[in-house]
Amino acid sequence: MNTNKIVANGIENVFKQHKSSIVIGLTGRTGSGCTTAAKILSIRDFEKLNLPSLRVPPTNHEDRKDRIIYAWIKEHWTPFKYLSVTTLILSIAISHGIDKLEELIKSIDQNFETNELKKYLESHFEFTKKSIYSIYQENIIDTEEIKSTGFFL
């Protein structure tokens, strides 16, 4: 199977699995608030969102719209899942094995000293494996999707 076909299959699998899902990609400079916004969107309990108070009684049309939106969100709130691209890329890299990860790092920067990283990953390998598994379980449904998605990341 050629590269274009693998990428196309990966994208198609992502869309098939998540037809009713919404993916929001937040990008910005360091300190711009993307991580904060993502964490707010992942809060499970609606009451903990700390939304601004509604004006009682409503004094204008905007206040009425705010009430309608607030009531709808309160009833239908579903938190997003927070997943950083760094975590996803690192989990895919580690899932191919520590030696492959070391090989990848060396191919990018031959002067990078990987001994400390390798020691850390080896000593935490079981935890890392469980973490990767839970990331896959929470965010990606089937293993074919993992393979095809991981290929083009």
Foldseek 3Di string as FASTA:
>chain_A
DDPVVLLVVLVVQVCVVPVPHDDDDDDDDPPPCRVVVLVLLQDAQPVVSPDDDQDVPDDDPVSVVVVVVVVVCNVVPDGDDDDDPVLLLVLLQCVVPPVSNVVVVCVVPVPDDCPVVSVVCVVCVVVSVVVSVVCCVVPPPDPSSSVSVNVVD
